[in-house]
Amino acid sequence: MRNRKKVLSRLEVLELRQVLHIATLEALVASHNWEPGELVFQGGSSLRLAQKSPRSSEDLDFLVLNSLDLTKIHESVRARLEMLTEGIPGDMRVVVSKPKNNPFGQYRFHVTLTGDNVIGSVKVKVELFPAERKTLENIQVFVAPIEFPDAEPSGDRQERPGILAATLPEIYADKIFAVGARKVIKHRDFFDLHWLRTYHGLRDCSPDYLRVRLATYTDETPGTWLEKAIMRHTELCEIDRQIVADELRKWLPLDWSLTDEEVGKIMQSSIEALEHGIDLMRDIEAEMTNEDGPTL
């Protein structure tokens, strides 16, 4: 009689993904003797793991110094993770993919938890975006302990491994920039902006933080970003709230309210944040035009 295969539940997937997140962060920290200005943990997973956001996340996003040997770092991470047994079912194993560079310069690979007798898998995408040291040094960071987001504070907190993570105002600026620049909408961004504004009181974005994003994502200029952001603003004003709610339910606790009224508040937060970003970027574009001087 053939063994009956196990089907992973939604809760199991979320819990096992957090195990992979923690293990991958620990492996990355152990892969190199990191110095300030070499690595910054950012994005939605940073909000979840370092700032206790209620939203689950899938990817691990980092800015990394562009002179580092990322192949060597990947090999170290792979060797460590593929020996992982703690926190994962005995009938599953970790597989780390070969790295790839996408057209935008990101160095990415996947960490997958899979098993021969398991239907479904748990996957985490790791993206390392190379940046100049000057750019990395201009990002405000803090040392975040590598721990599960629901872990209770304890006296040995300072003994746990830590990673340099972007501060909330930095992530707020990054989310504004991403909402305007993305080719495809990610509904998770809307919740992140709403959470940062509602639960942490963030309203104003520093123009210097947006300048750092322009220096990091060099395929964007103020003009190209504004063109896309203005079109995105129209999309947000007309978006179907039910679609937003359905997408967010995949990432939020089951008891999180996603009524039409609550989704309306989420979208209003995102619209206001994007409008602020558009105003700031217009000022940046005007300043850069003045610096370049009149065209003869």
Protein backbone atom coordinates (compact mmCIF):
# COMPACT_ATOMS: atom_id res chain seq x y z
CA MET A 1 0.00 0.00 0.00
CA ARG A 2 1.41 3.34 -0.99
CA ASN A 3 2.01 5.96 1.70
CA ARG A 4 -0.66 8.59 1.82
CA LYS A 5 0.77 12.01 1.08
CA LYS A 6 0.36 14.84 3.58
CA VAL A 7 -1.22 18.11 2.51
CA LEU A 8 0.19 21.26 4.14
CA SER A 9 -2.44 23.53 5.66
CA ARG A 10 -2.36 27.31 5.26
CA LEU A 11 -1.28 27.67 8.89
CA GLU A 12 1.50 25.10 8.48
CA VAL A 13 2.79 26.93 5.41
CA LEU A 14 2.87 30.26 7.26
CA GLU A 15 4.61 28.75 10.30
CA LEU A 16 7.17 26.84 8.23
CA ARG A 17 7.87 29.92 6.12
CA GLN A 18 8.77 31.79 9.31
CA VAL A 19 11.14 28.95 10.22
CA LEU A 20 12.80 29.36 6.83
CA HIS A 21 12.96 33.14 7.28
CA ILE A 22 14.75 32.85 10.62
CA ALA A 23 17.09 30.11 9.42
CA THR A 24 17.95 32.04 6.24
CA LEU A 25 18.70 35.24 8.18
CA GLU A 26 20.95 33.31 10.56
CA ALA A 27 22.72 31.62 7.64
CA LEU A 28 23.21 34.96 5.89
CA VAL A 29 24.61 36.62 9.02
CA ALA A 30 27.02 33.67 9.46
CA SER A 31 28.12 33.73 5.79
CA HIS A 32 30.32 36.81 6.04
CA ASN A 33 32.03 39.03 8.60
CA TRP A 34 29.60 41.87 7.99
CA GLU A 35 30.62 45.46 8.57
CA PRO A 36 28.36 48.54 8.79
CA GLY A 37 27.51 49.75 5.30
CA GLU A 38 27.54 46.26 3.76
CA LEU A 39 24.03 44.88 4.34
CA VAL A 40 20.55 46.26 5.09
CA PHE A 41 17.47 44.11 5.70
CA GLN A 42 14.37 45.82 4.28
CA GLY A 43 10.90 45.20 2.86
CA GLY A 44 7.79 43.44 4.14
CA SER A 45 9.65 40.62 5.90
CA SER A 46 11.69 43.22 7.75
CA LEU A 47 8.45 44.79 8.98
CA ARG A 48 7.20 41.38 10.08
CA LEU A 49 10.34 40.03 11.74
CA ALA A 50 11.99 43.21 13.02
CA GLN A 51 8.95 45.44 13.66
CA LYS A 52 6.21 42.90 14.56
CA SER A 53 3.86 43.74 11.69
CA PRO A 54 0.86 41.38 11.63
CA ARG A 55 1.28 40.78 7.90
CA SER A 56 3.03 37.60 6.87
CA SER A 57 5.57 37.88 4.12
CA GLU A 58 7.20 35.65 1.56
CA ASP A 59 10.39 37.30 0.34
CA LEU A 60 13.56 38.37 2.11
CA ASP A 61 14.91 41.61 0.63
CA PHE A 62 18.33 43.11 1.23
CA LEU A 63 20.57 45.87 -0.01
CA VAL A 64 24.14 44.61 -0.17
CA LEU A 65 27.50 46.22 -0.92
CA ASN A 66 28.19 45.83 -4.63
CA SER A 67 31.85 44.85 -4.18
CA LEU A 68 31.10 41.69 -2.17
CA ASP A 69 31.42 38.19 -3.61
CA LEU A 70 27.75 37.17 -3.60
CA THR A 71 28.52 33.73 -5.07
CA LYS A 72 30.64 32.91 -2.03
CA ILE A 73 27.94 34.20 0.30
CA HIS A 74 25.30 32.14 -1.51
CA GLU A 75 27.39 28.98 -1.20
CA SER A 76 27.81 29.51 2.53
CA VAL A 77 24.07 30.09 2.98
CA ARG A 78 23.23 27.03 0.88
CA ALA A 79 25.59 24.73 2.80
CA ARG A 80 24.16 25.84 6.14
CA LEU A 81 20.49 25.67 5.15
CA GLU A 82 20.65 22.29 3.42
CA MET A 83 21.78 20.76 6.74
CA LEU A 84 18.86 22.36 8.62
CA THR A 85 16.72 20.02 10.72
CA GLU A 86 15.58 22.20 13.63
CA GLY A 87 11.99 23.34 13.36
CA ILE A 88 11.10 21.41 10.21
CA PRO A 89 9.17 18.13 9.84
CA GLY A 90 11.25 15.00 9.57
CA ASP A 91 9.76 14.14 6.19
CA MET A 92 10.82 17.47 4.63
CA ARG A 93 14.16 18.92 3.54
CA VAL A 94 15.57 22.29 2.52
CA VAL A 95 16.72 22.91 -1.05
CA VAL A 96 18.50 26.12 -2.10
CA SER A 97 18.36 27.02 -5.80
CA LYS A 98 21.17 28.30 -7.94
CA PRO A 99 21.40 32.11 -7.96
CA LYS A 100 20.18 34.26 -10.82
CA ASN A 101 20.65 37.90 -11.77
CA ASN A 102 17.54 39.61 -13.10
CA PRO A 103 17.60 42.55 -15.56
CA PHE A 104 17.41 45.06 -12.68
CA GLY A 105 20.61 43.79 -11.06
CA GLN A 106 19.12 41.80 -8.18
CA TYR A 107 20.93 38.64 -7.16
CA ARG A 108 18.22 36.19 -6.21
CA PHE A 109 17.74 32.58 -5.17
CA HIS A 110 15.00 30.48 -3.59
CA VAL A 111 14.95 28.51 -0.36
CA THR A 112 12.39 25.71 -0.58
CA LEU A 113 11.10 23.27 2.02
CA THR A 114 9.80 20.15 0.29
CA GLY A 115 9.23 16.44 0.81
CA ASP A 116 8.52 13.39 -1.33
CA ASN A 117 5.41 12.51 0.67
CA VAL A 118 4.16 16.09 1.05
CA ILE A 119 1.76 17.84 -1.31
CA GLY A 120 2.86 21.44 -1.66
CA SER A 121 6.03 23.18 -0.59
CA VAL A 122 7.16 26.25 1.30
CA LYS A 123 9.23 28.73 -0.68
CA VAL A 124 11.13 31.88 0.26
CA LYS A 125 12.66 34.16 -2.36
CA VAL A 126 15.87 35.87 -1.29
CA GLU A 127 16.82 39.04 -3.17
CA LEU A 128 20.13 40.83 -2.72
CA PHE A 129 20.23 44.19 -4.47
CA PRO A 130 23.82 45.47 -4.95
CA ALA A 131 24.34 49.11 -4.00
CA GLU A 132 27.20 51.57 -3.56
CA ARG A 133 28.66 51.93 -0.08
CA LYS A 134 27.68 55.61 0.00
CA THR A 135 24.06 54.64 -0.63
CA LEU A 136 24.07 52.01 2.10
CA GLU A 137 25.67 54.37 4.59
CA ASN A 138 22.91 56.91 3.96
CA ILE A 139 20.20 54.46 5.07
CA GLN A 140 19.14 54.68 8.71
CA VAL A 141 19.37 51.25 10.36
CA PHE A 142 19.15 49.54 13.74
CA VAL A 143 20.25 46.13 15.02
CA ALA A 144 17.21 43.82 14.98
CA PRO A 145 17.40 40.50 16.84
CA ILE A 146 16.75 37.49 14.64
CA GLU A 147 13.71 35.95 16.30
CA PHE A 148 10.15 34.87 15.62
CA PRO A 149 7.80 37.89 15.57
CA ASP A 150 5.61 36.43 18.32
CA ALA A 151 8.54 35.64 20.63
CA GLU A 152 8.27 37.01 24.15
CA PRO A 153 11.05 39.44 25.20
CA SER A 154 13.61 37.83 27.46
CA GLY A 155 16.76 38.73 29.31
CA ASP A 156 19.04 37.07 26.76
CA ARG A 157 17.78 39.28 23.92
CA GLN A 158 21.17 40.92 23.48
CA GLU A 159 22.80 37.49 23.09
CA ARG A 160 20.78 36.57 20.04
CA PRO A 161 22.25 37.14 16.58
CA GLY A 162 21.15 40.40 15.01
CA ILE A 163 20.97 41.96 11.59
CA LEU A 164 21.03 45.57 10.45
CA ALA A 165 17.48 46.45 9.43
CA ALA A 166 16.07 49.61 7.89
CA THR A 167 14.16 51.88 10.26
CA LEU A 168 10.42 52.46 9.89
CA PRO A 169 10.79 55.88 8.14
CA GLU A 170 13.18 54.25 5.64
CA ILE A 171 10.73 51.45 4.89
CA TYR A 172 7.90 53.97 4.61
CA ALA A 173 9.87 55.81 1.91
CA ASP A 174 10.73 52.52 0.21
CA LYS A 175 7.06 51.50 0.12
CA ILE A 176 6.01 54.85 -1.35
CA PHE A 177 8.69 54.48 -4.00
CA ALA A 178 7.67 50.87 -4.72
CA VAL A 179 3.95 51.62 -5.03
CA GLY A 180 4.76 54.26 -7.63
CA ALA A 181 7.38 52.27 -9.52
CA ARG A 182 6.09 48.70 -9.67
CA LYS A 183 4.91 47.41 -13.01
CA VAL A 184 2.37 45.20 -11.25
CA ILE A 185 0.39 46.11 -8.14
CA LYS A 186 1.27 44.30 -4.93
CA HIS A 187 -1.69 44.69 -2.60
CA ARG A 188 0.56 43.94 0.38
CA ASP A 189 2.19 47.33 -0.10
CA PHE A 190 -1.12 49.02 0.64
CA PHE A 191 -1.45 47.32 4.00
CA ASP A 192 2.16 48.13 4.88
CA LEU A 193 1.66 51.83 4.18
CA HIS A 194 -1.58 51.84 6.18
CA TRP A 195 0.08 50.02 9.09
CA LEU A 196 3.02 52.43 9.13
CA ARG A 197 0.73 55.47 9.03
CA THR A 198 -1.95 54.23 11.42
CA TYR A 199 0.06 52.32 14.01
CA HIS A 200 3.33 54.25 13.88
CA GLY A 201 2.13 57.74 12.99
CA LEU A 202 4.22 58.10 9.85
CA ARG A 203 2.89 60.77 7.53
CA ASP A 204 5.83 62.77 6.19
CA CYS A 205 8.55 61.22 4.08
CA SER A 206 11.96 62.84 3.91
CA PRO A 207 12.94 63.83 0.35
CA ASP A 208 16.44 62.62 1.20
CA TYR A 209 15.04 59.12 1.65
CA LEU A 210 13.55 59.26 -1.85
CA ARG A 211 16.89 60.48 -3.21
CA VAL A 212 18.49 57.38 -1.69
CA ARG A 213 15.96 55.23 -3.58
CA LEU A 214 16.85 56.97 -6.84
CA ALA A 215 20.53 56.30 -6.13
CA THR A 216 19.76 52.65 -5.35
CA TYR A 217 17.37 51.80 -8.17
CA THR A 218 19.33 53.49 -10.92
CA ASP A 219 16.88 52.53 -13.69
CA GLU A 220 14.52 55.18 -12.27
CA THR A 221 14.71 58.95 -12.67
CA PRO A 222 12.33 61.46 -11.08
CA GLY A 223 10.60 61.82 -14.43
CA THR A 224 10.09 58.11 -15.11
CA TRP A 225 8.95 57.50 -11.53
CA LEU A 226 6.47 60.37 -11.67
CA GLU A 227 4.99 59.16 -14.94
CA LYS A 228 4.30 55.71 -13.46
CA ALA A 229 3.26 57.02 -10.05
CA ILE A 230 0.62 59.35 -11.50
CA MET A 231 -0.87 56.46 -13.49
CA ARG A 232 -0.75 54.28 -10.37
CA HIS A 233 -2.59 56.97 -8.40
CA THR A 234 -5.48 56.73 -10.85
CA GLU A 235 -5.49 52.93 -10.47
CA LEU A 236 -5.64 53.18 -6.67
CA CYS A 237 -8.58 55.59 -6.79
CA GLU A 238 -10.53 53.16 -8.98
CA ILE A 239 -9.43 49.83 -7.48
CA ASP A 240 -11.94 47.13 -6.56
CA ARG A 241 -11.90 46.88 -2.76
CA GLN A 242 -13.09 43.28 -2.82
CA ILE A 243 -10.01 42.27 -4.81
CA VAL A 244 -7.81 44.07 -2.28
CA ALA A 245 -9.54 42.29 0.60
CA ASP A 246 -9.21 38.88 -1.06
CA GLU A 247 -5.49 39.41 -1.66
CA LEU A 248 -4.78 40.69 1.84
CA ARG A 249 -6.56 37.74 3.49
CA LYS A 250 -3.71 35.54 2.24
CA TRP A 251 -1.24 37.45 4.39
CA LEU A 252 -3.12 38.63 7.48
CA PRO A 253 -4.41 36.81 10.59
CA LEU A 254 -7.79 35.19 10.06
CA ASP A 255 -9.43 37.53 12.57
CA TRP A 256 -8.10 40.72 10.97
CA SER A 257 -11.00 42.94 9.89
CA LEU A 258 -11.19 43.46 6.14
CA THR A 259 -14.65 44.95 5.77
CA ASP A 260 -15.30 47.30 2.88
CA GLU A 261 -14.88 50.21 5.32
CA GLU A 262 -11.53 48.95 6.61
CA VAL A 263 -10.22 48.31 3.10
CA GLY A 264 -11.33 51.83 2.21
CA LYS A 265 -9.15 53.16 5.02
CA ILE A 266 -6.21 51.07 3.81
CA MET A 267 -6.57 52.44 0.29
CA GLN A 268 -6.98 56.02 1.51
CA SER A 269 -3.72 55.68 3.46
CA SER A 270 -1.97 54.43 0.33
CA ILE A 271 -3.40 57.18 -1.87
CA GLU A 272 -2.35 59.90 0.57
CA ALA A 273 1.13 58.42 0.94
CA LEU A 274 1.57 58.22 -2.84
CA GLU A 275 0.31 61.80 -3.27
CA HIS A 276 2.92 62.96 -0.76
CA GLY A 277 5.59 61.03 -2.65
CA ILE A 278 4.53 62.59 -5.95
CA ASP A 279 4.77 66.10 -4.47
CA LEU A 280 8.24 65.36 -3.09
CA MET A 281 9.46 63.82 -6.35
CA ARG A 282 8.27 66.83 -8.31
CA ASP A 283 10.40 69.02 -6.03
CA ILE A 284 13.38 66.70 -6.51
CA GLU A 285 12.92 66.79 -10.29
CA ALA A 286 12.79 70.60 -10.24
CA GLU A 287 15.94 70.78 -8.11
CA MET A 288 17.83 68.45 -10.45
CA THR A 289 16.69 70.46 -13.47
CA ASN A 290 17.95 73.67 -11.86
CA GLU A 291 21.27 72.04 -10.97
CA ASP A 292 21.77 70.90 -14.56
CA GLY A 293 21.13 74.44 -15.80
CA PRO A 294 19.11 75.59 -18.80
CA THR A 295 19.29 73.65 -22.02
CA LEU A 296 20.88 75.71 -24.84
